[in-house]
Amino acid sequence: MVQRTVLKVNISCQKCKQQLFKAVTGLEGVDKVEIDAAKGTLTVTGTADPYKIIVHTKKTKKLLEVISIGPPPPPPKPNAGGGEQKKTEEPKKPAENKPAPQPNFYAHHSCPVCEGMTYNMDYKSEPNPSCSIIFKTAKKMSSMVKVTVLRVHAPCQKCKKKLLVTLTGLEGVDKVEINAAKSTVTITGTVDPFKVIACTRKTKKLLEIVSVGAPPPPPPSSPTPTATSTGETEEPAAQINIHTHVSCPDCDGPGCSIM
């Protein structure tokens, strides 16, 4: 199944991009890798396991947050006529002299992250907590609510209990819901989706990562009663439950239930 994994990464120089490309392009099933330096995102499309993509990106110490995991957007539909429709010509506006955008790249010697990577390549150790670039951004991103949907194998009540105990013990989890019919578990909260996936893998119940993203918007609220000119709110008119004469089976006899 082709999936699109979008990660928030820290890109400070050209070498940062090279390290990210090298980390994920060697994975089996990767079809497309795209880095957006302006948004600070890494997008990987293909049949590769999103968990492996996150792990390899985490080893570069550039990963800040998992933005979304899900199917790629559908391609644009061609025109029904077969050919491209010509747009109506609009009067061209005079070109404005805008300054050329400058890439936000630092020289290699001025990037504290890459300089630290040059001398410390131990992936098991955590980054320096005094780094103001990584940890201030990560702290801001960690307060965002995410919904992680995983396909799991939970055929019995014991399997469900094991998943609930494991996932509810994570910090930042607000809601855990298991759908037995669809074989999915949905986790909502500020918890890191990578931790959710890693803990579910330890239970040996994880089958597939369905999606990771922002929660859906709340349903529209019901219309409130309008206020009249006197300031009183209008309530819906009460409906009177009146039966016609023919609907009373007892009216033809002496024991009419209505009378």
Protein backbone atom coordinates (compact mmCIF):
# COMPACT_ATOMS: atom_id res chain seq x y z
CA MET A 1 0.00 0.00 0.00
CA VAL A 2 1.43 3.35 -1.06
CA GLN A 3 1.57 5.88 1.78
CA ARG A 4 2.79 9.44 2.15
CA THR A 5 4.81 10.26 5.28
CA VAL A 6 5.36 13.93 6.15
CA LEU A 7 7.87 14.77 8.90
CA LYS A 8 8.88 18.08 10.46
CA VAL A 9 12.66 18.29 10.36
CA ASN A 10 15.38 20.77 11.29
CA ILE A 11 17.22 21.99 8.16
CA SER A 12 19.98 24.53 8.76
CA CYS A 13 22.34 23.98 5.85
CA GLN A 14 22.91 22.00 2.67
CA LYS A 15 24.59 19.18 4.56
CA CYS A 16 21.41 18.72 6.62
CA LYS A 17 19.52 17.98 3.41
CA GLN A 18 22.18 15.52 2.26
CA GLN A 19 22.00 13.63 5.57
CA LEU A 20 18.20 13.36 5.34
CA PHE A 21 18.31 12.19 1.72
CA LYS A 22 20.93 9.57 2.58
CA ALA A 23 18.92 8.33 5.58
CA VAL A 24 15.68 7.54 3.71
CA THR A 25 16.63 6.90 0.07
CA GLY A 26 18.23 3.56 0.97
CA LEU A 27 14.97 2.13 2.33
CA GLU A 28 13.15 -0.46 0.26
CA GLY A 29 9.89 0.79 -1.25
CA VAL A 30 10.71 4.50 -1.37
CA ASP A 31 9.47 6.03 -4.63
CA LYS A 32 9.76 9.76 -3.98
CA VAL A 33 11.61 11.95 -1.46
CA GLU A 34 11.00 15.68 -1.22
CA ILE A 35 12.48 18.25 1.17
CA ASP A 36 10.90 21.68 1.60
CA ALA A 37 13.48 23.91 3.27
CA ALA A 38 11.02 26.82 3.63
CA LYS A 39 8.47 24.72 5.57
CA GLY A 40 11.08 22.44 7.14
CA THR A 41 9.36 19.23 6.02
CA LEU A 42 10.49 15.88 4.65
CA THR A 43 7.94 14.04 2.48
CA VAL A 44 8.47 10.36 1.60
CA THR A 45 6.08 8.54 -0.74
CA GLY A 46 6.07 4.80 -1.46
CA THR A 47 5.38 1.38 -0.03
CA ALA A 48 8.13 1.69 2.60
CA ASP A 49 7.15 1.16 6.24
CA PRO A 50 6.49 4.60 7.81
CA TYR A 51 7.95 3.32 11.09
CA LYS A 52 11.31 2.63 9.41
CA ILE A 53 11.23 6.07 7.78
CA ILE A 54 10.72 7.71 11.18
CA VAL A 55 13.47 5.61 12.80
CA HIS A 56 16.05 6.42 10.09
CA THR A 57 15.15 10.11 10.20
CA LYS A 58 15.40 10.10 14.00
CA LYS A 59 18.97 8.77 13.75
CA THR A 60 20.04 11.95 11.93
CA LYS A 61 18.87 13.99 14.97
CA LYS A 62 16.90 16.24 12.59
CA LEU A 63 13.40 14.94 13.39
CA LEU A 64 11.14 17.37 15.25
CA GLU A 65 7.63 15.95 14.75
CA VAL A 66 5.51 13.50 12.77
CA ILE A 67 3.08 15.68 10.82
CA SER A 68 0.97 13.11 8.95
CA ILE A 69 0.91 9.58 7.55
CA GLY A 70 -1.70 8.52 5.01
CA PRO A 71 -2.49 7.81 1.37
CA PRO A 72 -1.08 10.29 -1.17
CA PRO A 73 -3.46 12.84 -2.70
CA PRO A 74 -5.17 11.73 -5.94
CA PRO A 75 -3.72 13.03 -9.23
CA PRO A 76 -5.56 15.92 -10.92
CA LYS A 77 -8.39 14.82 -13.22
CA PRO A 78 -7.97 15.52 -16.96
CA ASN A 79 -10.51 17.69 -18.79
CA ALA A 80 -13.60 15.95 -20.18
CA GLY A 81 -12.97 17.30 -23.72
CA GLY A 82 -9.59 15.65 -23.90
CA GLY A 83 -7.74 18.88 -24.56
CA GLU A 84 -6.77 21.72 -22.32
CA GLN A 85 -9.31 24.49 -22.16
CA LYS A 86 -7.90 27.87 -23.00
CA LYS A 87 -8.37 30.38 -20.26
CA THR A 88 -9.71 33.80 -21.08
CA GLU A 89 -6.88 36.23 -21.55
CA GLU A 90 -6.70 38.78 -18.77
CA PRO A 91 -4.86 42.08 -19.00
CA LYS A 92 -1.36 41.60 -17.71
CA LYS A 93 -0.43 43.60 -14.68
CA PRO A 94 2.85 45.48 -14.70
CA ALA A 95 5.58 43.37 -13.24
CA GLU A 96 6.65 44.39 -9.78
CA ASN A 97 10.31 44.47 -8.94
CA LYS A 98 10.42 42.08 -6.02
CA PRO A 99 13.71 41.07 -4.44
CA ALA A 100 14.76 37.53 -5.21
CA PRO A 101 14.04 35.16 -2.27
CA GLN A 102 17.17 34.27 -0.39
CA PRO A 103 17.48 30.63 0.76
CA ASN A 104 17.66 30.32 4.51
CA PHE A 105 20.90 28.35 4.50
CA TYR A 106 23.81 28.90 6.81
CA ALA A 107 27.37 28.11 5.96
CA HIS A 108 28.47 24.70 7.13
CA HIS A 109 30.81 26.10 9.75
CA SER A 110 27.95 28.17 11.27
CA CYS A 111 25.50 25.27 11.72
CA PRO A 112 25.81 24.08 15.36
CA VAL A 113 23.78 20.93 14.67
CA CYS A 114 25.98 19.69 11.82
CA GLU A 115 29.16 20.63 13.68
CA GLY A 116 28.00 18.49 16.59
CA MET A 117 27.18 15.63 14.21
CA THR A 118 30.70 15.73 12.81
CA TYR A 119 32.23 14.83 16.15
CA ASN A 120 29.40 12.89 17.78
CA MET A 121 27.90 10.17 15.59
CA ASP A 122 26.50 8.08 18.46
CA TYR A 123 22.83 7.72 17.49
CA LYS A 124 21.92 6.13 20.81
CA SER A 125 22.71 9.27 22.80
CA GLU A 126 20.24 12.14 22.99
CA PRO A 127 21.00 15.59 21.50
CA ASN A 128 22.48 18.32 23.64
CA PRO A 129 19.58 19.70 25.74
CA SER A 130 21.10 23.19 25.59
CA CYS A 131 20.39 23.42 21.84
CA SER A 132 17.89 26.28 21.54
CA ILE A 133 17.06 25.51 17.89
CA ILE A 134 15.80 21.96 18.31
CA PHE A 135 14.21 21.92 21.74
CA LYS A 136 12.28 25.21 21.57
CA THR A 137 10.70 24.13 18.30
CA ALA A 138 10.03 20.60 19.53
CA LYS A 139 8.40 21.90 22.73
CA LYS A 140 6.06 24.07 20.67
CA MET A 141 5.15 21.20 18.33
CA SER A 142 4.57 18.72 21.18
CA SER A 143 1.50 20.68 22.37
CA MET A 144 -0.44 19.92 19.17
CA VAL A 145 -3.19 17.29 19.33
CA LYS A 146 -2.77 14.42 16.85
CA VAL A 147 -4.90 11.42 15.94
CA THR A 148 -3.00 8.18 15.25
CA VAL A 149 -4.93 5.30 13.64
CA LEU A 150 -3.29 1.86 13.57
CA ARG A 151 -4.48 -1.46 12.20
CA VAL A 152 -3.96 -4.11 14.87
CA HIS A 153 -4.58 -7.80 15.48
CA ALA A 154 -6.82 -8.05 18.54
CA PRO A 155 -9.06 -11.14 18.20
CA CYS A 156 -9.79 -11.58 21.92
CA GLN A 157 -10.48 -9.53 25.02
CA LYS A 158 -6.99 -10.21 26.38
CA CYS A 159 -5.42 -8.62 23.28
CA LYS A 160 -7.60 -5.52 23.70
CA LYS A 161 -6.66 -5.23 27.36
CA LYS A 162 -2.96 -5.48 26.51
CA LEU A 163 -3.27 -2.66 23.96
CA LEU A 164 -5.28 -0.45 26.32
CA VAL A 165 -2.85 -0.89 29.22
CA THR A 166 0.15 -0.18 26.97
CA LEU A 167 -1.24 2.91 25.24
CA THR A 168 -3.00 4.55 28.17
CA GLY A 169 0.31 4.54 30.07
CA LEU A 170 1.86 7.01 27.60
CA GLU A 171 2.05 10.65 28.62
CA GLY A 172 -0.19 12.94 26.58
CA VAL A 173 -2.84 10.33 25.67
CA ASP A 174 -6.38 11.72 25.97
CA LYS A 175 -8.42 8.97 24.29
CA VAL A 176 -7.87 5.36 23.16
CA GLU A 177 -10.58 3.66 21.11
CA ILE A 178 -10.48 0.10 19.74
CA ASN A 179 -12.79 -0.77 16.85
CA ALA A 180 -13.09 -4.57 16.74
CA ALA A 181 -15.06 -4.55 13.46
CA LYS A 182 -12.36 -2.60 11.57
CA SER A 183 -9.45 -4.01 13.65
CA THR A 184 -8.17 -0.51 14.37
CA VAL A 185 -7.05 1.42 17.43
CA THR A 186 -7.32 5.23 17.48
CA ILE A 187 -5.17 7.30 19.86
CA THR A 188 -5.92 11.00 20.37
CA GLY A 189 -3.76 13.44 22.32
CA THR A 190 -0.50 15.38 22.38
CA VAL A 191 1.54 12.19 22.63
CA ASP A 192 4.29 11.69 20.04
CA PRO A 193 2.92 9.41 17.26
CA PHE A 194 6.34 7.73 17.04
CA LYS A 195 6.05 6.61 20.67
CA VAL A 196 2.55 5.30 20.00
CA ILE A 197 3.75 3.25 17.02
CA ALA A 198 6.83 1.98 18.87
CA CYS A 199 4.83 0.85 21.95
CA THR A 200 2.22 -0.86 19.76
CA ARG A 201 4.98 -2.73 17.91
CA LYS A 202 6.27 -4.06 21.24
CA THR A 203 2.91 -5.74 21.87
CA LYS A 204 3.33 -7.60 18.52
CA LYS A 205 -0.21 -6.56 17.58
CA LEU A 206 0.62 -3.88 14.99
CA LEU A 207 -0.27 -4.74 11.40
CA GLU A 208 -0.24 -1.40 9.59
CA ILE A 209 -0.10 2.35 10.13
CA VAL A 210 -3.39 3.70 8.75
CA SER A 211 -3.00 7.44 9.28
CA VAL A 212 -1.50 10.16 11.47
CA GLY A 213 -2.83 13.71 11.40
CA ALA A 214 -4.83 16.47 13.02
CA PRO A 215 -8.21 15.60 14.55
CA PRO A 216 -11.32 16.27 12.42
CA PRO A 217 -13.19 19.53 13.05
CA PRO A 218 -16.09 19.35 15.53
CA PRO A 219 -19.60 19.00 14.08
CA PRO A 220 -21.58 22.24 13.68
CA SER A 221 -23.56 23.18 16.75
CA SER A 222 -27.37 23.10 16.73
CA PRO A 223 -29.11 26.45 16.04
CA THR A 224 -29.83 28.43 19.17
CA PRO A 225 -33.35 29.79 19.81
CA THR A 226 -33.80 33.32 18.45
CA ALA A 227 -34.69 36.24 20.72
CA THR A 228 -37.89 38.25 20.18
CA SER A 229 -38.26 42.02 20.37
CA THR A 230 -39.26 41.74 24.05
CA GLY A 231 -36.04 39.89 24.84
CA GLU A 232 -37.68 36.47 25.32
CA THR A 233 -36.37 33.51 23.39
CA GLU A 234 -38.70 31.78 21.00
CA GLU A 235 -39.29 28.14 21.78
CA PRO A 236 -40.47 25.66 19.15
CA ALA A 237 -44.25 25.38 19.06
CA ALA A 238 -45.60 22.37 20.88
CA GLN A 239 -47.29 19.84 18.62
CA ILE A 240 -50.69 18.62 19.84
CA ASN A 241 -51.21 14.91 19.42
CA ILE A 242 -54.86 14.87 18.25
CA HIS A 243 -56.34 11.72 16.78
CA THR A 244 -59.25 11.80 14.37
CA HIS A 245 -62.49 10.12 15.27
CA VAL A 246 -61.86 7.14 13.07
CA SER A 247 -58.51 6.44 14.80
CA CYS A 248 -60.18 5.61 18.14
CA PRO A 249 -61.27 1.99 18.15
CA ASP A 250 -63.49 2.50 21.22
CA CYS A 251 -65.60 5.44 19.98
CA ASP A 252 -68.16 3.18 18.31
CA GLY A 253 -68.81 1.52 21.65
CA PRO A 254 -69.70 2.76 25.14
CA GLY A 255 -66.07 2.68 26.45
CA CYS A 256 -64.48 5.56 24.50
CA SER A 257 -60.92 6.09 25.78
CA ILE A 258 -60.85 9.69 24.58
CA MET A 259 -64.11 10.81 26.22
